[in-house]
Protein backbone atom coordinates (compact mmCIF):
# COMPACT_ATOMS: atom_id res chain seq x y z
CA UNK A 1 97.86 -8.08 92.96
CA UNK A 2 95.08 -5.98 94.24
CA UNK A 3 96.13 -3.24 91.91
CA UNK A 4 96.18 -5.64 88.95
CA UNK A 5 92.78 -7.01 89.79
CA UNK A 6 91.35 -3.51 89.94
CA UNK A 7 92.82 -2.68 86.59
CA UNK A 8 91.25 -5.72 85.07
CA UNK A 9 87.89 -4.83 86.57
CA UNK A 10 88.20 -1.30 85.20
CA UNK A 11 88.95 -2.64 81.72
CA UNK A 12 85.89 -4.90 81.89
CA UNK A 13 83.68 -2.00 82.94
CA UNK A 14 84.89 0.13 80.03
CA UNK A 15 84.38 -2.72 77.55
CA UNK A 16 80.83 -3.36 78.95
CA UNK A 17 79.88 0.26 78.35
CA UNK A 18 80.96 0.23 74.68
CA UNK A 19 79.16 -3.02 73.79
CA UNK A 20 75.76 -1.29 73.40
CA UNK A 21 77.09 1.38 71.06
CA UNK A 22 76.68 0.82 67.26
CA UNK A 23 79.53 1.28 64.95
CA UNK A 24 79.11 3.57 61.86
CA UNK A 25 79.25 0.54 59.57
CA UNK A 26 76.21 -1.01 61.31
CA UNK A 27 74.25 2.18 60.93
CA UNK A 28 75.03 2.30 57.24
CA UNK A 29 74.01 -1.31 56.82
CA UNK A 30 70.74 -0.71 58.63
CA UNK A 31 70.03 2.33 56.45
CA UNK A 32 70.75 0.29 53.31
CA UNK A 33 68.49 -2.45 54.58
CA UNK A 34 65.68 0.04 55.14
CA UNK A 35 66.10 1.43 51.62
CA UNK A 36 66.11 -2.04 50.12
CA UNK A 37 62.97 -2.98 52.06
CA UNK A 38 61.22 0.23 50.92
CA UNK A 39 62.31 -0.42 47.34
CA UNK A 40 61.04 -3.99 47.60
CA UNK A 41 57.69 -2.73 48.85
CA UNK A 42 57.49 -0.30 45.91
CA UNK A 43 58.38 -3.06 43.46
CA UNK A 44 55.73 -5.31 44.94
CA UNK A 45 53.19 -2.49 44.75
CA UNK A 46 54.16 -1.77 41.13
CA UNK A 47 53.93 -5.46 40.31
CA UNK A 48 50.50 -5.65 41.88
CA UNK A 49 49.38 -2.59 39.90
CA UNK A 50 50.81 -4.10 36.72
CA UNK A 51 48.95 -7.36 37.37
CA UNK A 52 45.72 -5.43 37.92
CA UNK A 53 46.26 -3.43 34.73
CA UNK A 54 47.07 -6.61 32.82
CA UNK A 55 43.89 -8.27 34.07
CA UNK A 56 41.88 -5.17 33.12
CA UNK A 57 43.48 -5.16 29.67
CA UNK A 58 42.67 -8.84 29.21
CA UNK A 59 39.06 -8.18 30.24
CA UNK A 60 38.85 -5.20 27.88
CA UNK A 61 40.33 -7.28 25.06
CA UNK A 62 37.74 -9.99 25.68
CA UNK A 63 34.92 -7.41 25.55
CA UNK A 64 36.35 -5.91 22.37
CA UNK A 65 36.60 -9.33 20.77
CA UNK A 66 32.98 -10.03 21.72
CA UNK A 67 31.92 -6.71 20.18
CA UNK A 68 33.89 -7.45 17.01
CA UNK A 69 32.19 -10.86 16.77
CA UNK A 70 28.76 -9.25 17.24
CA UNK A 71 29.56 -6.65 14.57
CA UNK A 72 30.69 -9.38 12.19
CA UNK A 73 27.41 -11.25 12.75
CA UNK A 74 25.43 -8.05 12.22
CA UNK A 75 27.37 -7.28 9.02
CA UNK A 76 26.75 -10.82 7.82
CA UNK A 77 23.02 -10.50 8.45
CA UNK A 78 22.86 -7.13 6.70
CA UNK A 79 24.80 -8.49 3.74
CA UNK A 80 22.33 -11.36 3.48
CA UNK A 81 19.39 -8.92 3.73
CA UNK A 82 21.04 -6.75 1.06
CA UNK A 83 21.38 -9.76 -1.23
CA UNK A 84 17.69 -10.55 -0.75
CA UNK A 85 16.75 -6.93 -1.49
CA UNK A 86 18.94 -6.93 -4.59
CA UNK A 87 17.24 -10.14 -5.72
CA UNK A 88 13.82 -8.58 -5.11
CA UNK A 89 14.80 -5.41 -6.98
CA UNK A 90 16.09 -7.50 -9.87
CA UNK A 91 12.80 -9.41 -9.92
CA UNK A 92 10.80 -6.15 -9.93
CA UNK A 93 12.95 -4.73 -12.72
CA UNK A 94 12.40 -7.91 -14.72
CA UNK A 95 8.65 -7.68 -14.10
CA UNK A 96 8.63 -4.03 -15.18
CA UNK A 97 10.54 -4.88 -18.35
CA UNK A 98 8.03 -7.62 -19.16
CA UNK A 99 4.98 -5.43 -18.40
CA UNK A 100 3.11 -4.63 -21.60
CA UNK A 101 3.03 -0.93 -22.44
CA UNK A 102 1.40 1.05 -25.19
CA UNK A 103 2.81 0.20 -28.58
CA UNK A 104 3.69 2.96 -31.05
CA UNK A 105 0.52 2.19 -32.99
CA UNK A 106 -1.78 2.21 -29.96
CA UNK A 107 -4.69 4.57 -30.47
CA UNK A 108 -4.61 5.83 -26.86
CA UNK A 109 -1.37 6.20 -24.93
CA UNK A 110 -1.57 5.52 -21.20
CA UNK A 111 1.03 6.06 -18.48
CA UNK A 112 -0.95 4.01 -15.97
CA UNK A 113 1.17 0.89 -16.39
CA UNK A 114 0.10 -2.52 -17.56
CA UNK A 115 -2.53 -4.84 -16.18
CA UNK A 116 -1.28 -4.81 -12.58
CA UNK A 117 -1.43 -8.01 -10.55
CA UNK A 118 -4.43 -6.91 -8.47
CA UNK A 119 -6.50 -6.30 -11.63
CA UNK A 120 -5.14 -9.15 -13.77
CA UNK A 121 -8.51 -10.92 -13.72
CA UNK A 122 -10.10 -8.09 -15.70
CA UNK A 123 -9.06 -8.45 -19.32
CA UNK A 124 -10.59 -6.25 -21.98
CA UNK A 125 -11.67 -8.54 -24.79
CA UNK A 126 -14.45 -9.13 -27.27
CA UNK A 127 -15.44 -8.49 -30.86
CA UNK A 128 -18.01 -5.78 -30.07
CA UNK A 129 -17.33 -4.10 -26.73
CA UNK A 130 -19.57 -1.61 -24.93
CA UNK A 131 -18.26 0.43 -22.00
CA UNK A 132 -21.31 1.49 -19.98
CA UNK A 133 -20.45 4.27 -17.52
CA UNK A 134 -22.66 5.32 -14.62
CA UNK A 135 -22.83 9.15 -14.70
CA UNK A 136 -25.37 9.65 -11.90
CA UNK A 137 -24.91 12.11 -9.02
CA UNK A 138 -23.51 9.44 -6.70
CA UNK A 139 -20.47 9.02 -8.98
CA UNK A 140 -18.96 12.25 -7.63
CA UNK A 141 -17.95 11.02 -4.18
CA UNK A 142 -18.05 8.10 -1.72
CA UNK A 143 -19.76 9.50 1.41
CA UNK A 144 -23.44 10.46 1.22
CA UNK A 145 -22.89 13.84 2.85
CA UNK A 146 -20.27 14.71 0.22
CA UNK A 147 -22.51 13.43 -2.60
CA UNK A 148 -25.38 15.62 -1.37
CA UNK A 149 -23.07 18.64 -1.07
CA UNK A 150 -21.80 18.22 -4.63
CA UNK A 151 -25.31 17.50 -5.91
CA UNK A 152 -26.29 21.02 -4.86
CA UNK A 153 -23.09 22.62 -6.18
CA UNK A 154 -22.05 23.93 -9.58
CA UNK A 155 -21.41 21.78 -12.64
CA UNK A 156 -17.66 22.38 -12.43
CA UNK A 157 -17.64 21.29 -8.79
CA UNK A 158 -19.50 18.09 -9.72
CA UNK A 159 -16.97 17.32 -12.44
CA UNK A 160 -14.15 17.80 -9.92
CA UNK A 161 -15.56 15.08 -7.66
CA UNK A 162 -12.81 12.58 -6.76
CA UNK A 163 -14.83 9.50 -7.75
CA UNK A 164 -15.77 11.04 -11.09
CA UNK A 165 -12.13 11.89 -11.78
CA UNK A 166 -11.26 8.28 -10.96
CA UNK A 167 -14.05 7.04 -13.24
CA UNK A 168 -12.56 8.97 -16.15
CA UNK A 169 -9.13 7.44 -15.47
CA UNK A 170 -10.72 3.97 -15.48
CA UNK A 171 -12.44 4.73 -18.79
CA UNK A 172 -9.08 5.68 -20.31
CA UNK A 173 -7.52 2.51 -18.82
CA UNK A 174 -10.20 0.39 -20.51
CA UNK A 175 -9.98 2.18 -23.84
CA UNK A 176 -6.19 1.83 -23.88
CA UNK A 177 -6.51 -1.96 -23.60
CA UNK A 178 -9.12 -2.79 -26.20
CA UNK A 179 -7.99 -5.38 -28.76
CA UNK A 180 -6.94 -4.00 -32.13
CA UNK A 181 -9.62 -5.97 -33.97
CA UNK A 182 -12.53 -4.86 -31.73
CA UNK A 183 -15.42 -2.54 -32.36
CA UNK A 184 -16.13 -0.21 -29.43
CA UNK A 185 -19.01 1.92 -28.15
CA UNK A 186 -19.06 4.05 -24.99
CA UNK A 187 -22.36 4.90 -23.28
CA UNK A 188 -23.05 6.96 -20.17
CA UNK A 189 -26.29 6.62 -18.21
CA UNK A 190 -28.08 8.33 -15.34
CA UNK A 191 -31.69 9.43 -15.81
CA UNK A 192 -30.80 9.58 -19.53
CA UNK A 193 -28.29 7.89 -21.80
CA UNK A 194 -25.48 9.54 -23.74
CA UNK A 195 -23.54 7.98 -26.60
CA UNK A 196 -20.04 9.36 -25.99
CA UNK A 197 -18.23 10.19 -29.19
CA UNK A 198 -21.44 11.04 -30.99
CA UNK A 199 -21.81 7.72 -32.83
CA UNK A 200 -22.38 4.02 -32.31
CA UNK A 201 -19.59 1.61 -33.06
CA UNK A 202 -16.08 2.75 -33.93
CA UNK A 203 -12.84 0.90 -34.54
CA UNK A 204 -10.66 0.50 -31.45
CA UNK A 205 -7.74 1.99 -33.45
CA UNK A 206 -9.75 5.03 -34.56
CA UNK A 207 -7.84 7.85 -32.85
CA UNK A 208 -10.35 10.52 -33.89
CA UNK A 209 -13.31 8.66 -32.37
CA UNK A 210 -11.44 7.89 -29.17
CA UNK A 211 -10.48 11.55 -28.77
CA UNK A 212 -14.14 12.50 -29.23
CA UNK A 213 -15.11 10.01 -26.49
CA UNK A 214 -12.53 11.50 -24.11
CA UNK A 215 -13.67 15.03 -24.93
CA UNK A 216 -17.35 14.15 -24.34
CA UNK A 217 -16.44 12.44 -21.08
CA UNK A 218 -14.61 15.57 -19.91
CA UNK A 219 -17.70 17.66 -20.65
CA UNK A 220 -20.14 15.25 -18.99
CA UNK A 221 -21.58 16.43 -15.63
CA UNK A 222 -22.44 13.56 -13.24
CA UNK A 223 -26.02 14.15 -12.10
CA UNK A 224 -29.42 12.56 -11.82
CA UNK A 225 -30.61 9.13 -10.70
CA UNK A 226 -29.01 5.76 -11.47
CA UNK A 227 -31.29 4.30 -14.15
CA UNK A 228 -29.48 1.11 -15.15
CA UNK A 229 -32.49 0.02 -17.19
CA UNK A 230 -32.01 2.95 -19.60
CA UNK A 231 -28.33 2.07 -19.99
CA UNK A 232 -29.05 -1.60 -20.68
CA UNK A 233 -31.79 -0.77 -23.18
CA UNK A 234 -29.39 1.48 -25.11
CA UNK A 235 -26.67 -1.18 -24.99
CA UNK A 236 -29.03 -3.96 -26.10
CA UNK A 237 -29.89 -2.05 -29.29
CA UNK A 238 -26.19 -2.19 -30.30
CA UNK A 239 -26.04 -5.98 -29.78
CA UNK A 240 -22.61 -6.22 -28.09
CA UNK A 241 -20.64 -9.37 -27.42
CA UNK A 242 -19.10 -7.94 -24.23
CA UNK A 243 -20.27 -5.31 -21.73
CA UNK A 244 -18.05 -3.53 -19.21
CA UNK A 245 -20.13 -1.68 -16.61
CA UNK A 246 -18.57 1.01 -14.40
CA UNK A 247 -20.84 1.94 -11.48
CA UNK A 248 -20.92 2.40 -7.71
CA UNK A 249 -24.15 0.70 -6.66
CA UNK A 250 -27.58 -0.68 -7.41
CA UNK A 251 -30.02 1.40 -9.49
CA UNK A 252 -32.28 4.04 -7.94
CA UNK A 253 -34.65 4.51 -10.90
CA UNK A 254 -36.15 2.46 -13.72
CA UNK A 255 -38.56 2.44 -16.67
CA UNK A 256 -41.17 -0.11 -15.58
CA UNK A 257 -44.73 0.48 -14.36
CA UNK A 258 -43.95 -0.24 -10.73
CA UNK A 259 -47.36 0.77 -9.43
CA UNK A 260 -48.82 -2.33 -11.05
CA UNK A 261 -46.17 -4.66 -9.63
CA UNK A 262 -46.94 -6.08 -6.20
CA UNK A 263 -43.29 -6.36 -4.97
CA UNK A 264 -42.98 -2.55 -5.24
CA UNK A 265 -46.04 -1.61 -3.19
CA UNK A 266 -43.83 -0.43 -0.32
CA UNK A 267 -41.27 1.36 -2.52
CA UNK A 268 -42.45 4.97 -2.31
CA UNK A 269 -39.40 6.23 -4.15
CA UNK A 270 -40.44 4.33 -7.31
CA UNK A 271 -44.11 5.24 -6.98
CA UNK A 272 -43.59 8.99 -6.66
CA UNK A 273 -44.38 9.11 -2.95
CA UNK A 274 -40.81 9.70 -1.75
CA UNK A 275 -37.51 11.20 -2.85
CA UNK A 276 -35.48 8.29 -1.47
CA UNK A 277 -35.34 4.57 -2.11
CA UNK A 278 -34.53 1.91 0.47
CA UNK A 279 -31.92 -0.83 0.17
CA UNK A 280 -34.48 -3.66 -0.27
CA UNK A 281 -36.28 -1.67 -2.95
CA UNK A 282 -33.01 -1.10 -4.82
CA UNK A 283 -32.50 -4.89 -4.85
CA UNK A 284 -36.03 -5.42 -6.22
CA UNK A 285 -35.42 -2.71 -8.81
CA UNK A 286 -32.18 -4.37 -9.91
CA UNK A 287 -33.92 -7.74 -10.26
CA UNK A 288 -36.77 -6.20 -12.27
CA UNK A 289 -34.29 -4.30 -14.46
CA UNK A 290 -32.48 -7.49 -15.43
CA UNK A 291 -35.74 -9.37 -15.90
CA UNK A 292 -37.02 -6.78 -18.39
CA UNK A 293 -33.87 -5.37 -19.99
CA UNK A 294 -31.12 -7.97 -19.74
CA UNK A 295 -28.75 -8.29 -22.68
CA UNK A 296 -28.94 -11.16 -25.12
CA UNK A 297 -27.86 -14.57 -23.96
CA UNK A 298 -24.13 -15.12 -24.38
CA UNK A 299 -23.12 -11.51 -23.74
CA UNK A 300 -20.35 -11.50 -21.15
CA UNK A 301 -20.75 -8.82 -18.47
CA UNK A 302 -17.88 -7.49 -16.33
CA UNK A 303 -18.60 -4.94 -13.58
CA UNK A 304 -16.15 -2.51 -11.99
CA UNK A 305 -17.83 -1.54 -8.71
CA UNK A 306 -16.56 1.63 -7.05
CA UNK A 307 -17.23 2.30 -3.33
CA UNK A 308 -20.21 4.19 -1.93
CA UNK A 309 -21.60 4.56 1.55
CA UNK A 310 -24.83 2.75 2.38
CA UNK A 311 -25.24 0.15 -0.40
CA UNK A 312 -23.95 -3.18 1.01
CA UNK A 313 -26.13 -5.31 -1.29
CA UNK A 314 -24.56 -4.03 -4.49
CA UNK A 315 -21.55 -6.35 -4.50
CA UNK A 316 -23.39 -9.68 -4.00
CA UNK A 317 -26.07 -8.88 -6.59
CA UNK A 318 -23.65 -7.64 -9.21
CA UNK A 319 -21.54 -10.74 -8.56
CA UNK A 320 -24.56 -12.97 -9.25
CA UNK A 321 -25.18 -11.19 -12.54
CA UNK A 322 -21.58 -11.27 -13.79
CA UNK A 323 -21.09 -14.85 -12.67
CA UNK A 324 -24.17 -15.96 -14.60
CA UNK A 325 -22.70 -14.45 -17.80
CA UNK A 326 -19.17 -15.80 -17.27
CA UNK A 327 -17.83 -12.37 -16.37
CA UNK A 328 -16.22 -10.86 -13.28
CA UNK A 329 -17.07 -8.39 -10.54
CA UNK A 330 -14.06 -6.19 -9.73
CA UNK A 331 -13.87 -3.95 -6.66
CA UNK A 332 -10.47 -2.38 -7.32
CA UNK A 333 -7.96 -1.06 -4.79
CA UNK A 334 -8.23 2.62 -3.92
CA UNK A 335 -4.94 3.39 -5.68
CA UNK A 336 -6.08 1.91 -9.04
CA UNK A 337 -5.66 2.98 -11.70
């Protein structure tokens, strides 16, 4: 029995020692488990990355959709602006088509357009029309320093003065718009008067006379003082129904005996004591000129007043004169005509 008990104990000891040892199948299962766990971790990581990418794609899609919507709104606004521009262009084209241009039988062709909106108030009309053009030295330029420089220059330099060139364009503009049934005369004045064209009245359709006027105007040299009284006296002899005066300021000389007139006692320029004339004296001279040499009652006077430095009283006084005759004072834009 003792031997049997010992054998049993020995068997138990052997079995106890083997219980902590793993079998090959367990090792394989553990290895598979580890691989599955690692694979699961990779799948979870991939899923998380996919979710992040999906969220980023959704966000990008939302931004793209917002940009598309903004572009659509911008396109819509531009299309509306384009429609408005097309409407404006169509309106301008229609206005251009309706603008009166020189007819085939017009005596003087002009490429200066019709009676633009900013000059619509000035309409050339009348049965006997005189265009009275200031050809004094100040009609060469706008600034006094430039006027003085040109005054002491050659005749060709005076004729190239920008204001004189503009004056000649205005004269052509007026001549091109005289009514077909009108009689026309063109006078220039400074310290003398000149009947441009070499005659008095001529028919507004008389091409030969108009060409003579243009030729004389091209040869005229702007110089001398501004003696409006001489110009009005010459115009009054022709008995016009309408007078269009082109000038840049109040007169600087006249024909009256100013030494015997009390208002001119301080005007040295009119009494031979000075080479200049002040602003207040120019106003007095203008008033005296109209008082002594105004045109007949009923003659409509329109004045085109070009700019000059240092004569602020010209516009209000010329306005008073034109308004009293039912005419207009025009101070045109720099780009006209």
